[in-house]
Amino acid sequence: MTSTIYKRHIMELYSEKPHYGELKNKTHQVKHANPICNDEIIIDLIVKNGKIADAKFHGKTCFITSVSASALLENVIGKTVGEAKKLTQKDLNKFLGIDVIPTRIKCEMMPLEAIKKLK
């Protein structure tokens, strides 16, 4: 039953794509690409008073990257950039509610690797 709940959560993230799109008044933008599959994610942030106030992603992303980005961005809003950069794959797995299979870890990590590039 637990795995069914997580599958439903992941499908909702993909179909609803919360945090998908571009921010017009972004204060930060970062890109990260996976040359193996030609995917590219672009993350826009609005940082106010030292904290992430809003976040969106866009670009050419696969299913796993899209759900990972949605879950990650939901969880970085309200954090400082420094706090967001300290997140790990273990945190992503917790946000998603699953462990991603080894062959898709690069996809899962694309949004977090982009966040880690922020200055």
C-alpha atoms as a PDB file:
ATOM      1  CA  MET A   1       0.000   0.000   0.000  1.00  0.00           C
ATOM      2  CA  THR A   2       2.812   2.436   0.824  1.00  0.00           C
ATOM      3  CA  SER A   3       4.363   2.051  -2.630  1.00  0.00           C
ATOM      4  CA  THR A   4       0.971   2.816  -4.207  1.00  0.00           C
ATOM      5  CA  ILE A   5       0.804   6.100  -2.277  1.00  0.00           C
ATOM      6  CA  TYR A   6       4.285   7.063  -3.491  1.00  0.00           C
ATOM      7  CA  LYS A   7       3.497   6.096  -7.086  1.00  0.00           C
ATOM      8  CA  ARG A   8       0.381   8.270  -6.924  1.00  0.00           C
ATOM      9  CA  HIS A   9       2.437  11.147  -5.476  1.00  0.00           C
ATOM     10  CA  ILE A  10       4.993  10.875  -8.285  1.00  0.00           C
ATOM     11  CA  MET A  11       2.310  10.718 -10.980  1.00  0.00           C
ATOM     12  CA  GLU A  12       0.651  13.808  -9.469  1.00  0.00           C
ATOM     13  CA  LEU A  13       3.973  15.657  -9.516  1.00  0.00           C
ATOM     14  CA  TYR A  14       4.429  14.794 -13.168  1.00  0.00           C
ATOM     15  CA  SER A  15       0.895  15.547 -14.329  1.00  0.00           C
ATOM     16  CA  GLU A  16       0.452  18.740 -12.297  1.00  0.00           C
ATOM     17  CA  LYS A  17       4.071  19.885 -12.680  1.00  0.00           C
ATOM     18  CA  PRO A  18       4.048  22.297  -9.776  1.00  0.00           C
ATOM     19  CA  HIS A  19       6.870  24.771 -10.191  1.00  0.00           C
ATOM     20  CA  TYR A  20       7.090  24.234 -13.959  1.00  0.00           C
ATOM     21  CA  GLY A  21       7.533  27.367 -16.048  1.00  0.00           C
ATOM     22  CA  GLU A  22       9.611  30.519 -16.033  1.00  0.00           C
ATOM     23  CA  LEU A  23       9.762  33.293 -13.449  1.00  0.00           C
ATOM     24  CA  LYS A  24       9.606  36.748 -14.994  1.00  0.00           C
ATOM     25  CA  ASN A  25      11.181  38.566 -12.031  1.00  0.00           C
ATOM     26  CA  LYS A  26      13.840  35.964 -11.236  1.00  0.00           C
ATOM     27  CA  THR A  27      16.863  37.020  -9.241  1.00  0.00           C
ATOM     28  CA  HIS A  28      18.817  33.848 -10.056  1.00  0.00           C
ATOM     29  CA  GLN A  29      18.929  31.433 -12.960  1.00  0.00           C
ATOM     30  CA  VAL A  30      21.021  28.308 -13.270  1.00  0.00           C
ATOM     31  CA  LYS A  31      21.289  25.634 -15.972  1.00  0.00           C
ATOM     32  CA  HIS A  32      22.487  22.073 -15.872  1.00  0.00           C
ATOM     33  CA  ALA A  33      22.704  19.562 -18.710  1.00  0.00           C
ATOM     34  CA  ASN A  34      23.106  15.820 -19.001  1.00  0.00           C
ATOM     35  CA  PRO A  35      25.120  15.327 -22.209  1.00  0.00           C
ATOM     36  CA  ILE A  36      24.376  11.602 -22.252  1.00  0.00           C
ATOM     37  CA  CYS A  37      20.651  12.111 -22.902  1.00  0.00           C
ATOM     38  CA  ASN A  38      20.665  15.766 -24.087  1.00  0.00           C
ATOM     39  CA  ASP A  39      18.371  16.848 -21.254  1.00  0.00           C
ATOM     40  CA  GLU A  40      18.784  20.364 -19.878  1.00  0.00           C
ATOM     41  CA  ILE A  41      17.115  21.910 -16.861  1.00  0.00           C
ATOM     42  CA  ILE A  42      16.891  25.625 -16.179  1.00  0.00           C
ATOM     43  CA  ILE A  43      15.925  26.714 -12.678  1.00  0.00           C
ATOM     44  CA  ASP A  44      14.694  30.236 -11.964  1.00  0.00           C
ATOM     45  CA  LEU A  45      14.579  31.536  -8.400  1.00  0.00           C
ATOM     46  CA  ILE A  46      13.373  34.629  -6.643  1.00  0.00           C
ATOM     47  CA  VAL A  47      15.468  35.208  -3.529  1.00  0.00           C
ATOM     48  CA  LYS A  48      14.198  37.826  -1.069  1.00  0.00           C
ATOM     49  CA  ASN A  49      15.712  38.670   2.288  1.00  0.00           C
ATOM     50  CA  GLY A  50      18.179  35.820   1.873  1.00  0.00           C
ATOM     51  CA  LYS A  51      15.522  33.133   1.367  1.00  0.00           C
ATOM     52  CA  ILE A  52      14.106  31.430  -1.718  1.00  0.00           C
ATOM     53  CA  ALA A  53      10.661  32.980  -2.161  1.00  0.00           C
ATOM     54  CA  ASP A  54       9.703  31.229  -5.407  1.00  0.00           C
ATOM     55  CA  ALA A  55      11.185  28.667  -7.778  1.00  0.00           C
ATOM     56  CA  LYS A  56      10.335  27.261 -11.199  1.00  0.00           C
ATOM     57  CA  PHE A  57      12.024  24.995 -13.717  1.00  0.00           C
ATOM     58  CA  HIS A  58      11.844  24.557 -17.468  1.00  0.00           C
ATOM     59  CA  GLY A  59      13.888  23.050 -20.263  1.00  0.00           C
ATOM     60  CA  LYS A  60      14.066  19.617 -21.852  1.00  0.00           C
ATOM     61  CA  THR A  61      13.610  17.128 -19.017  1.00  0.00           C
ATOM     62  CA  CYS A  62      12.621  13.487 -18.743  1.00  0.00           C
ATOM     63  CA  PHE A  63       9.992  12.087 -16.374  1.00  0.00           C
ATOM     64  CA  ILE A  64      12.407  11.466 -13.478  1.00  0.00           C
ATOM     65  CA  THR A  65      14.079  14.875 -13.798  1.00  0.00           C
ATOM     66  CA  SER A  66      10.678  16.604 -13.916  1.00  0.00           C
ATOM     67  CA  VAL A  67       9.322  14.930 -10.784  1.00  0.00           C
ATOM     68  CA  SER A  68      12.638  15.397  -8.993  1.00  0.00           C
ATOM     69  CA  ALA A  69      12.627  19.108  -9.868  1.00  0.00           C
ATOM     70  CA  SER A  70       9.035  19.555  -8.701  1.00  0.00           C
ATOM     71  CA  ALA A  71       9.729  17.814  -5.389  1.00  0.00           C
ATOM     72  CA  LEU A  72      13.034  19.624  -4.859  1.00  0.00           C
ATOM     73  CA  LEU A  73      11.684  23.090  -5.612  1.00  0.00           C
ATOM     74  CA  GLU A  74       8.705  22.527  -3.335  1.00  0.00           C
ATOM     75  CA  ASN A  75      11.176  21.842  -0.555  1.00  0.00           C
ATOM     76  CA  VAL A  76      13.670  24.680  -1.181  1.00  0.00           C
ATOM     77  CA  ILE A  77      11.110  27.472  -0.966  1.00  0.00           C
ATOM     78  CA  GLY A  78      11.676  29.156   2.382  1.00  0.00           C
ATOM     79  CA  LYS A  79      15.284  27.983   2.641  1.00  0.00           C
ATOM     80  CA  THR A  80      18.416  30.017   2.040  1.00  0.00           C
ATOM     81  CA  VAL A  81      20.457  29.240  -1.068  1.00  0.00           C
ATOM     82  CA  GLY A  82      23.132  27.814   1.247  1.00  0.00           C
ATOM     83  CA  GLU A  83      20.623  25.454   2.859  1.00  0.00           C
ATOM     84  CA  ALA A  84      19.335  24.361  -0.558  1.00  0.00           C
ATOM     85  CA  LYS A  85      22.875  23.659  -1.758  1.00  0.00           C
ATOM     86  CA  LYS A  86      23.448  21.322   1.217  1.00  0.00           C
ATOM     87  CA  LEU A  87      20.632  18.961   0.203  1.00  0.00           C
ATOM     88  CA  THR A  88      21.640  15.460  -0.905  1.00  0.00           C
ATOM     89  CA  GLN A  89      20.347  12.566  -2.965  1.00  0.00           C
ATOM     90  CA  LYS A  90      19.038  11.068   0.266  1.00  0.00           C
ATOM     91  CA  ASP A  91      16.947  14.227   0.749  1.00  0.00           C
ATOM     92  CA  LEU A  92      15.617  13.940  -2.818  1.00  0.00           C
ATOM     93  CA  ASN A  93      14.647  10.312  -2.226  1.00  0.00           C
ATOM     94  CA  LYS A  94      12.808  11.411   0.916  1.00  0.00           C
ATOM     95  CA  PHE A  95      10.981  14.193  -0.984  1.00  0.00           C
ATOM     96  CA  LEU A  96       9.982  11.703  -3.703  1.00  0.00           C
ATOM     97  CA  GLY A  97       9.228   8.863  -1.323  1.00  0.00           C
ATOM     98  CA  ILE A  98      11.241   6.368  -3.365  1.00  0.00           C
ATOM     99  CA  ASP A  99      14.773   5.296  -4.134  1.00  0.00           C
ATOM    100  CA  VAL A 100      15.426   5.889  -7.814  1.00  0.00           C
ATOM    101  CA  ILE A 101      16.979   2.972  -9.685  1.00  0.00           C
ATOM    102  CA  PRO A 102      20.744   3.314 -10.274  1.00  0.00           C
ATOM    103  CA  THR A 103      20.425   3.872 -14.028  1.00  0.00           C
ATOM    104  CA  ARG A 104      18.239   6.970 -13.430  1.00  0.00           C
ATOM    105  CA  ILE A 105      20.166   8.622 -10.590  1.00  0.00           C
ATOM    106  CA  LYS A 106      21.750  11.149 -12.984  1.00  0.00           C
ATOM    107  CA  CYS A 107      18.231  12.182 -14.014  1.00  0.00           C
ATOM    108  CA  GLU A 108      17.087  12.472 -10.405  1.00  0.00           C
ATOM    109  CA  MET A 109      20.140  14.543  -9.487  1.00  0.00           C
ATOM    110  CA  MET A 110      19.983  17.057 -12.376  1.00  0.00           C
ATOM    111  CA  PRO A 111      17.846  19.618 -10.490  1.00  0.00           C
ATOM    112  CA  LEU A 112      19.970  19.351  -7.341  1.00  0.00           C
ATOM    113  CA  GLU A 113      23.189  19.642  -9.337  1.00  0.00           C
ATOM    114  CA  ALA A 114      21.780  22.799 -10.897  1.00  0.00           C
ATOM    115  CA  ILE A 115      20.948  24.230  -7.456  1.00  0.00           C
ATOM    116  CA  LYS A 116      24.481  23.463  -6.278  1.00  0.00           C
ATOM    117  CA  LYS A 117      25.820  25.747  -9.053  1.00  0.00           C
ATOM    118  CA  LEU A 118      24.090  28.796  -7.546  1.00  0.00           C
ATOM    119  CA  LYS A 119      26.326  31.596  -6.347  1.00  0.00           C
END
